[in-house]
Amino acid sequence: MTELTEQIQPLKYQGFGTVEGILSLSKKDSTLLIGKTVFPVLGFVPKRVRKFHLPEQVQQFRVFPVALHGKLAFKLLNITQNSELGLKLKGCWENLWGVRYLVVYRNRLENPEDEVLRVLVPIVWENAPEADGRFWQIRAEVQGTGLTVIEAEGPFYPPPKATHYQPPLKASSAKSADKSAAKPTPIDQAQTTATPLTVEEILAMATPTKISLTCKLNQLPAHRELPD
């Protein structure tokens, strides 16, 4: 574990890498066999993965690690070859509900109203530091049933949890862009002064709820008489 005093590149949230295993595709629950452990595949499998998938053969996959019911799962990004195995994780080391996760904050940047996505990544970290929410840059490998930290750099003060949406500038509107830069709009001012919510503020907003399910039978199943 190394603590850096200077950081040349700007800090940013990130979580991806390459794993090697056997992909089993299914309409509902696809899985990825790495070593002797079967990991769930979360979400939709991209067409480019389905196109180059070789059933029952070991392949290299570009993945994004996530937590599913507190355990490690993967979202598939692509199929690759001759890539270095391992994952690069950059996020905040936090204690959530009594469990420590590396948290990667993201923003889809599609609309100004988009919420910040909080992705929890479960990792195995020997002699782990205090989970105080500070930012770490980690290299990890799949070992057994989880991700094991191989190298870690930090801690750093965390970067902003979201990047505010800014539509691309058109070439014909260069003059108007200069004017808007000199005189910011109220929306720009609100985005500049907005302060991200802390973990404590988010947890304080939690509200207990109840779920009610109703089942309706449209027809009765076939029946047969039984002896007394």
C-alpha atoms as a PDB file:
ATOM      1  CA  MET A   1       0.000   0.000   0.000  1.00  0.00           C
ATOM      2  CA  THR A   2       1.509   3.282  -1.136  1.00  0.00           C
ATOM      3  CA  GLU A   3       0.504   6.800  -0.245  1.00  0.00           C
ATOM      4  CA  LEU A   4       1.255   9.337  -2.975  1.00  0.00           C
ATOM      5  CA  THR A   5       1.933  12.977  -2.230  1.00  0.00           C
ATOM      6  CA  GLU A   6       1.537  14.208  -5.814  1.00  0.00           C
ATOM      7  CA  GLN A   7      -0.929  13.206  -8.494  1.00  0.00           C
ATOM      8  CA  ILE A   8      -0.113  14.176 -12.086  1.00  0.00           C
ATOM      9  CA  GLN A   9      -3.270  12.835 -13.745  1.00  0.00           C
ATOM     10  CA  PRO A  10      -6.637  14.090 -12.497  1.00  0.00           C
ATOM     11  CA  LEU A  11      -8.473  11.650 -10.269  1.00  0.00           C
ATOM     12  CA  LYS A  12     -11.538   9.986 -11.761  1.00  0.00           C
ATOM     13  CA  TYR A  13     -13.848   7.135 -10.836  1.00  0.00           C
ATOM     14  CA  GLN A  14     -13.218   3.947 -12.765  1.00  0.00           C
ATOM     15  CA  GLY A  15     -13.773   0.209 -12.540  1.00  0.00           C
ATOM     16  CA  PHE A  16     -12.980  -2.228 -15.339  1.00  0.00           C
ATOM     17  CA  GLY A  17     -10.511  -4.910 -16.385  1.00  0.00           C
ATOM     18  CA  THR A  18      -9.961  -8.287 -18.029  1.00  0.00           C
ATOM     19  CA  VAL A  19     -10.819 -11.730 -16.694  1.00  0.00           C
ATOM     20  CA  GLU A  20     -10.426 -15.175 -18.246  1.00  0.00           C
ATOM     21  CA  GLY A  21     -13.147 -17.791 -18.029  1.00  0.00           C
ATOM     22  CA  ILE A  22     -15.975 -19.735 -19.653  1.00  0.00           C
ATOM     23  CA  LEU A  23     -19.195 -17.878 -20.428  1.00  0.00           C
ATOM     24  CA  SER A  24     -22.507 -19.728 -20.247  1.00  0.00           C
ATOM     25  CA  LEU A  25     -25.212 -17.715 -21.999  1.00  0.00           C
ATOM     26  CA  SER A  26     -28.826 -17.913 -20.893  1.00  0.00           C
ATOM     27  CA  LYS A  27     -31.939 -15.833 -21.547  1.00  0.00           C
ATOM     28  CA  LYS A  28     -32.321 -15.095 -17.845  1.00  0.00           C
ATOM     29  CA  ASP A  29     -29.215 -15.906 -15.798  1.00  0.00           C
ATOM     30  CA  SER A  30     -25.898 -16.026 -17.675  1.00  0.00           C
ATOM     31  CA  THR A  31     -22.794 -17.012 -15.696  1.00  0.00           C
ATOM     32  CA  LEU A  32     -19.020 -16.725 -15.990  1.00  0.00           C
ATOM     33  CA  LEU A  33     -16.826 -19.580 -14.711  1.00  0.00           C
ATOM     34  CA  ILE A  34     -13.455 -18.254 -13.503  1.00  0.00           C
ATOM     35  CA  GLY A  35     -11.233 -20.962 -12.066  1.00  0.00           C
ATOM     36  CA  LYS A  36     -13.594 -23.084  -9.975  1.00  0.00           C
ATOM     37  CA  THR A  37     -16.045 -20.302  -9.106  1.00  0.00           C
ATOM     38  CA  VAL A  38     -19.218 -19.414 -11.011  1.00  0.00           C
ATOM     39  CA  PHE A  39     -19.965 -15.675 -11.016  1.00  0.00           C
ATOM     40  CA  PRO A  40     -23.323 -14.148 -12.061  1.00  0.00           C
ATOM     41  CA  VAL A  41     -23.406 -11.982 -15.175  1.00  0.00           C
ATOM     42  CA  LEU A  42     -25.412  -8.853 -14.478  1.00  0.00           C
ATOM     43  CA  GLY A  43     -27.576  -7.086 -17.037  1.00  0.00           C
ATOM     44  CA  PHE A  44     -27.770  -7.405 -20.804  1.00  0.00           C
ATOM     45  CA  VAL A  45     -24.998  -9.228 -22.680  1.00  0.00           C
ATOM     46  CA  PRO A  46     -23.826  -6.971 -25.573  1.00  0.00           C
ATOM     47  CA  LYS A  47     -24.194  -8.172 -29.171  1.00  0.00           C
ATOM     48  CA  ARG A  48     -20.429  -7.999 -29.698  1.00  0.00           C
ATOM     49  CA  VAL A  49     -19.969 -10.504 -26.867  1.00  0.00           C
ATOM     50  CA  ARG A  50     -22.621 -12.854 -28.237  1.00  0.00           C
ATOM     51  CA  LYS A  51     -21.100 -12.626 -31.731  1.00  0.00           C
ATOM     52  CA  PHE A  52     -17.611 -13.795 -30.718  1.00  0.00           C
ATOM     53  CA  HIS A  53     -18.702 -16.128 -27.894  1.00  0.00           C
ATOM     54  CA  LEU A  54     -17.294 -19.669 -28.074  1.00  0.00           C
ATOM     55  CA  PRO A  55     -19.411 -22.052 -25.957  1.00  0.00           C
ATOM     56  CA  GLU A  56     -17.525 -24.099 -23.351  1.00  0.00           C
ATOM     57  CA  GLN A  57     -14.192 -22.496 -24.284  1.00  0.00           C
ATOM     58  CA  VAL A  58     -11.952 -20.257 -22.184  1.00  0.00           C
ATOM     59  CA  GLN A  59     -11.974 -16.648 -23.405  1.00  0.00           C
ATOM     60  CA  GLN A  60     -10.907 -13.237 -22.169  1.00  0.00           C
ATOM     61  CA  PHE A  61     -13.637 -10.772 -21.270  1.00  0.00           C
ATOM     62  CA  ARG A  62     -13.589  -7.038 -20.569  1.00  0.00           C
ATOM     63  CA  VAL A  63     -15.776  -6.607 -17.515  1.00  0.00           C
ATOM     64  CA  PHE A  64     -17.073  -4.133 -14.969  1.00  0.00           C
ATOM     65  CA  PRO A  65     -17.279  -5.597 -11.427  1.00  0.00           C
ATOM     66  CA  VAL A  66     -20.386  -5.033  -9.316  1.00  0.00           C
ATOM     67  CA  ALA A  67     -21.983  -6.323  -6.127  1.00  0.00           C
ATOM     68  CA  LEU A  68     -25.023  -8.591  -6.420  1.00  0.00           C
ATOM     69  CA  HIS A  69     -26.587  -9.329  -3.016  1.00  0.00           C
ATOM     70  CA  GLY A  70     -23.254  -8.385  -1.467  1.00  0.00           C
ATOM     71  CA  LYS A  71     -21.213 -10.812  -3.599  1.00  0.00           C
ATOM     72  CA  LEU A  72     -19.052 -10.292  -6.680  1.00  0.00           C
ATOM     73  CA  ALA A  73     -20.693 -10.277 -10.104  1.00  0.00           C
ATOM     74  CA  PHE A  74     -19.668  -8.958 -13.513  1.00  0.00           C
ATOM     75  CA  LYS A  75     -21.180  -6.839 -16.265  1.00  0.00           C
ATOM     76  CA  LEU A  76     -19.738  -7.887 -19.626  1.00  0.00           C
ATOM     77  CA  LEU A  77     -18.343  -5.198 -21.936  1.00  0.00           C
ATOM     78  CA  ASN A  78     -16.483  -7.016 -24.715  1.00  0.00           C
ATOM     79  CA  ILE A  79     -14.388 -10.040 -25.698  1.00  0.00           C
ATOM     80  CA  THR A  80     -10.644  -9.482 -26.069  1.00  0.00           C
ATOM     81  CA  GLN A  81      -7.442 -11.430 -26.733  1.00  0.00           C
ATOM     82  CA  ASN A  82      -3.917 -11.388 -25.300  1.00  0.00           C
ATOM     83  CA  SER A  83      -4.814  -8.737 -22.732  1.00  0.00           C
ATOM     84  CA  GLU A  84      -3.270  -8.385 -19.289  1.00  0.00           C
ATOM     85  CA  LEU A  85      -5.487 -10.017 -16.679  1.00  0.00           C
ATOM     86  CA  GLY A  86      -6.607  -7.956 -13.717  1.00  0.00           C
ATOM     87  CA  LEU A  87      -8.863  -5.048 -12.869  1.00  0.00           C
ATOM     88  CA  LYS A  88      -8.239  -1.341 -12.292  1.00  0.00           C
ATOM     89  CA  LEU A  89     -10.484   0.116  -9.618  1.00  0.00           C
ATOM     90  CA  LYS A  90     -10.649   3.781  -8.653  1.00  0.00           C
ATOM     91  CA  GLY A  91     -13.185   4.796  -6.048  1.00  0.00           C
ATOM     92  CA  CYS A  92     -13.990   5.625  -2.436  1.00  0.00           C
ATOM     93  CA  TRP A  93     -13.382   3.049   0.303  1.00  0.00           C
ATOM     94  CA  GLU A  94     -16.599   3.221   2.331  1.00  0.00           C
ATOM     95  CA  ASN A  95     -18.478   1.375   5.063  1.00  0.00           C
ATOM     96  CA  LEU A  96     -22.110   0.864   4.008  1.00  0.00           C
ATOM     97  CA  TRP A  97     -24.549  -0.997   6.268  1.00  0.00           C
ATOM     98  CA  GLY A  98     -21.656  -2.587   8.143  1.00  0.00           C
ATOM     99  CA  VAL A  99     -19.950  -3.879   4.964  1.00  0.00           C
ATOM    100  CA  ARG A 100     -16.937  -2.269   3.295  1.00  0.00           C
ATOM    101  CA  TYR A 101     -17.065  -1.614  -0.452  1.00  0.00           C
ATOM    102  CA  LEU A 102     -15.066   0.298  -3.008  1.00  0.00           C
ATOM    103  CA  VAL A 103     -17.681   2.723  -4.364  1.00  0.00           C
ATOM    104  CA  VAL A 104     -17.468   3.990  -7.946  1.00  0.00           C
ATOM    105  CA  TYR A 105     -19.606   7.069  -8.577  1.00  0.00           C
ATOM    106  CA  ARG A 106     -20.739   7.649 -12.167  1.00  0.00           C
ATOM    107  CA  ASN A 107     -22.908   9.992 -14.191  1.00  0.00           C
ATOM    108  CA  ARG A 108     -24.380   9.014 -17.548  1.00  0.00           C
ATOM    109  CA  LEU A 109     -24.053  12.588 -18.827  1.00  0.00           C
ATOM    110  CA  GLU A 110     -27.201  12.279 -20.949  1.00  0.00           C
ATOM    111  CA  ASN A 111     -29.293  14.944 -19.228  1.00  0.00           C
ATOM    112  CA  PRO A 112     -28.639  17.610 -16.592  1.00  0.00           C
ATOM    113  CA  GLU A 113     -31.169  15.894 -14.324  1.00  0.00           C
ATOM    114  CA  ASP A 114     -29.391  12.518 -14.347  1.00  0.00           C
ATOM    115  CA  GLU A 115     -28.690  11.170 -10.890  1.00  0.00           C
ATOM    116  CA  VAL A 116     -25.283   9.988  -9.775  1.00  0.00           C
ATOM    117  CA  LEU A 117     -24.914   6.209 -10.101  1.00  0.00           C
ATOM    118  CA  ARG A 118     -23.317   4.519  -7.098  1.00  0.00           C
ATOM    119  CA  VAL A 119     -21.745   1.164  -8.009  1.00  0.00           C
ATOM    120  CA  LEU A 120     -20.580  -1.015  -5.108  1.00  0.00           C
ATOM    121  CA  VAL A 121     -17.572  -3.284  -5.741  1.00  0.00           C
ATOM    122  CA  PRO A 122     -16.840  -5.967  -3.098  1.00  0.00           C
ATOM    123  CA  ILE A 123     -13.099  -6.557  -2.634  1.00  0.00           C
ATOM    124  CA  VAL A 124     -10.851  -8.625  -0.367  1.00  0.00           C
ATOM    125  CA  TRP A 125      -8.245  -6.270   1.114  1.00  0.00           C
ATOM    126  CA  GLU A 126      -5.705  -7.664   3.559  1.00  0.00           C
ATOM    127  CA  ASN A 127      -4.756  -5.164   6.292  1.00  0.00           C
ATOM    128  CA  ALA A 128      -7.286  -2.762   4.794  1.00  0.00           C
ATOM    129  CA  PRO A 129      -7.200   0.890   5.933  1.00  0.00           C
ATOM    130  CA  GLU A 130     -10.090   2.581   7.658  1.00  0.00           C
ATOM    131  CA  ALA A 131     -13.150   2.888   5.424  1.00  0.00           C
ATOM    132  CA  ASP A 132     -13.406   6.667   5.770  1.00  0.00           C
ATOM    133  CA  GLY A 133     -14.659   7.480   2.263  1.00  0.00           C
ATOM    134  CA  ARG A 134     -11.330   8.602   0.860  1.00  0.00           C
ATOM    135  CA  PHE A 135     -10.259   7.823  -2.712  1.00  0.00           C
ATOM    136  CA  TRP A 136      -8.023   4.866  -3.656  1.00  0.00           C
ATOM    137  CA  GLN A 137      -6.529   3.580  -6.903  1.00  0.00           C
ATOM    138  CA  ILE A 138      -6.382  -0.218  -6.791  1.00  0.00           C
ATOM    139  CA  ARG A 139      -5.192  -3.098  -8.951  1.00  0.00           C
ATOM    140  CA  ALA A 140      -7.017  -6.335  -8.156  1.00  0.00           C
ATOM    141  CA  GLU A 141      -7.241  -9.918  -9.409  1.00  0.00           C
ATOM    142  CA  VAL A 142      -9.937 -12.583  -9.204  1.00  0.00           C
ATOM    143  CA  GLN A 143      -8.852 -15.103  -6.595  1.00  0.00           C
ATOM    144  CA  GLY A 144     -11.272 -17.745  -5.374  1.00  0.00           C
ATOM    145  CA  THR A 145     -14.707 -16.210  -4.884  1.00  0.00           C
ATOM    146  CA  GLY A 146     -13.718 -12.538  -4.860  1.00  0.00           C
ATOM    147  CA  LEU A 147     -11.476  -9.692  -5.960  1.00  0.00           C
ATOM    148  CA  THR A 148      -8.186  -9.511  -4.058  1.00  0.00           C
ATOM    149  CA  VAL A 149      -6.232  -6.259  -3.869  1.00  0.00           C
ATOM    150  CA  ILE A 150      -2.712  -6.595  -5.337  1.00  0.00           C
ATOM    151  CA  GLU A 151      -1.592  -2.950  -5.264  1.00  0.00           C
ATOM    152  CA  ALA A 152      -3.125   0.206  -3.821  1.00  0.00           C
ATOM    153  CA  GLU A 153      -2.259   3.889  -4.118  1.00  0.00           C
ATOM    154  CA  GLY A 154      -3.756   6.482  -1.816  1.00  0.00           C
ATOM    155  CA  PRO A 155      -5.540   7.757   0.026  1.00  0.00           C
ATOM    156  CA  PHE A 156      -6.544  10.884  -1.887  1.00  0.00           C
ATOM    157  CA  TYR A 157      -9.304  13.380  -1.395  1.00  0.00           C
ATOM    158  CA  PRO A 158     -12.175  12.117  -3.576  1.00  0.00           C
ATOM    159  CA  PRO A 159     -12.974  13.916  -6.848  1.00  0.00           C
ATOM    160  CA  PRO A 160     -16.530  15.206  -7.487  1.00  0.00           C
ATOM    161  CA  LYS A 161     -19.114  12.452  -7.536  1.00  0.00           C
ATOM    162  CA  ALA A 162     -20.644  13.682 -10.791  1.00  0.00           C
ATOM    163  CA  THR A 163     -19.565  15.612 -13.849  1.00  0.00           C
ATOM    164  CA  HIS A 164     -22.183  18.160 -14.817  1.00  0.00           C
ATOM    165  CA  TYR A 165     -23.696  17.720 -18.253  1.00  0.00           C
ATOM    166  CA  GLN A 166     -22.540  20.183 -20.906  1.00  0.00           C
ATOM    167  CA  PRO A 167     -23.908  19.848 -24.471  1.00  0.00           C
ATOM    168  CA  PRO A 168     -21.289  20.020 -27.281  1.00  0.00           C
ATOM    169  CA  LEU A 169     -20.681  23.444 -28.790  1.00  0.00           C
ATOM    170  CA  LYS A 170     -21.547  24.022 -32.440  1.00  0.00           C
ATOM    171  CA  ALA A 171     -18.961  25.585 -34.771  1.00  0.00           C
ATOM    172  CA  SER A 172     -21.419  28.244 -35.953  1.00  0.00           C
ATOM    173  CA  SER A 173     -22.169  29.401 -32.415  1.00  0.00           C
ATOM    174  CA  ALA A 174     -18.616  30.315 -31.375  1.00  0.00           C
ATOM    175  CA  LYS A 175     -19.561  33.953 -30.665  1.00  0.00           C
ATOM    176  CA  SER A 176     -22.558  32.991 -28.556  1.00  0.00           C
ATOM    177  CA  ALA A 177     -20.362  30.508 -26.699  1.00  0.00           C
ATOM    178  CA  ASP A 178     -17.932  33.300 -25.816  1.00  0.00           C
ATOM    179  CA  LYS A 179     -20.794  35.447 -24.524  1.00  0.00           C
ATOM    180  CA  SER A 180     -22.232  32.645 -22.434  1.00  0.00           C
ATOM    181  CA  ALA A 181     -18.783  31.962 -20.995  1.00  0.00           C
ATOM    182  CA  ALA A 182     -18.431  35.600 -19.948  1.00  0.00           C
ATOM    183  CA  LYS A 183     -21.938  35.784 -18.464  1.00  0.00           C
ATOM    184  CA  PRO A 184     -22.959  32.442 -16.906  1.00  0.00           C
ATOM    185  CA  THR A 185     -26.632  31.511 -16.870  1.00  0.00           C
ATOM    186  CA  PRO A 186     -28.521  30.786 -13.614  1.00  0.00           C
ATOM    187  CA  ILE A 187     -28.420  27.060 -14.452  1.00  0.00           C
ATOM    188  CA  ASP A 188     -24.622  27.152 -14.807  1.00  0.00           C
ATOM    189  CA  GLN A 189     -24.324  29.006 -11.517  1.00  0.00           C
ATOM    190  CA  ALA A 190     -26.546  26.458  -9.760  1.00  0.00           C
ATOM    191  CA  GLN A 191     -24.465  23.566 -11.134  1.00  0.00           C
ATOM    192  CA  THR A 192     -21.224  25.233 -10.028  1.00  0.00           C
ATOM    193  CA  THR A 193     -22.394  25.846  -6.473  1.00  0.00           C
ATOM    194  CA  ALA A 194     -24.200  22.519  -5.971  1.00  0.00           C
ATOM    195  CA  THR A 195     -22.652  20.355  -3.253  1.00  0.00           C
ATOM    196  CA  PRO A 196     -22.837  16.534  -3.607  1.00  0.00           C
ATOM    197  CA  LEU A 197     -24.713  14.682  -0.869  1.00  0.00           C
ATOM    198  CA  THR A 198     -22.663  12.847   1.721  1.00  0.00           C
ATOM    199  CA  VAL A 199     -23.236   9.200   2.615  1.00  0.00           C
ATOM    200  CA  GLU A 200     -24.767  10.255   5.955  1.00  0.00           C
ATOM    201  CA  GLU A 201     -27.209  12.607   4.171  1.00  0.00           C
ATOM    202  CA  ILE A 202     -28.240   9.877   1.753  1.00  0.00           C
ATOM    203  CA  LEU A 203     -28.811   7.349   4.570  1.00  0.00           C
ATOM    204  CA  ALA A 204     -30.812   9.952   6.533  1.00  0.00           C
ATOM    205  CA  MET A 205     -33.257  10.145   3.609  1.00  0.00           C
ATOM    206  CA  ALA A 206     -34.090   6.435   3.850  1.00  0.00           C
ATOM    207  CA  THR A 207     -37.796   5.756   4.459  1.00  0.00           C
ATOM    208  CA  PRO A 208     -39.247   2.388   5.607  1.00  0.00           C
ATOM    209  CA  THR A 209     -41.681   0.893   3.085  1.00  0.00           C
ATOM    210  CA  LYS A 210     -43.908  -2.153   2.729  1.00  0.00           C
ATOM    211  CA  ILE A 211     -44.536  -4.202  -0.403  1.00  0.00           C
ATOM    212  CA  SER A 212     -47.947  -5.783  -1.032  1.00  0.00           C
ATOM    213  CA  LEU A 213     -48.319  -8.499  -3.697  1.00  0.00           C
ATOM    214  CA  THR A 214     -51.630  -9.765  -5.125  1.00  0.00           C
ATOM    215  CA  CYS A 215     -51.929 -12.945  -7.212  1.00  0.00           C
ATOM    216  CA  LYS A 216     -54.941 -13.510  -9.514  1.00  0.00           C
ATOM    217  CA  LEU A 217     -55.822 -16.950 -10.944  1.00  0.00           C
ATOM    218  CA  ASN A 218     -57.418 -16.833 -14.398  1.00  0.00           C
ATOM    219  CA  GLN A 219     -58.203 -20.564 -14.477  1.00  0.00           C
ATOM    220  CA  LEU A 220     -58.083 -23.623 -12.225  1.00  0.00           C
ATOM    221  CA  PRO A 221     -55.547 -26.407 -12.879  1.00  0.00           C
ATOM    222  CA  ALA A 222     -56.597 -29.898 -13.870  1.00  0.00           C
ATOM    223  CA  HIS A 223     -57.644 -32.040 -10.864  1.00  0.00           C
ATOM    224  CA  ARG A 224     -58.232 -35.681  -9.961  1.00  0.00           C
ATOM    225  CA  GLU A 225     -60.017 -37.370  -7.097  1.00  0.00           C
ATOM    226  CA  LEU A 226     -58.011 -39.068  -4.360  1.00  0.00           C
ATOM    227  CA  PRO A 227     -59.154 -41.849  -1.980  1.00  0.00           C
ATOM    228  CA  ASP A 228     -60.131 -40.842   1.549  1.00  0.00           C
END
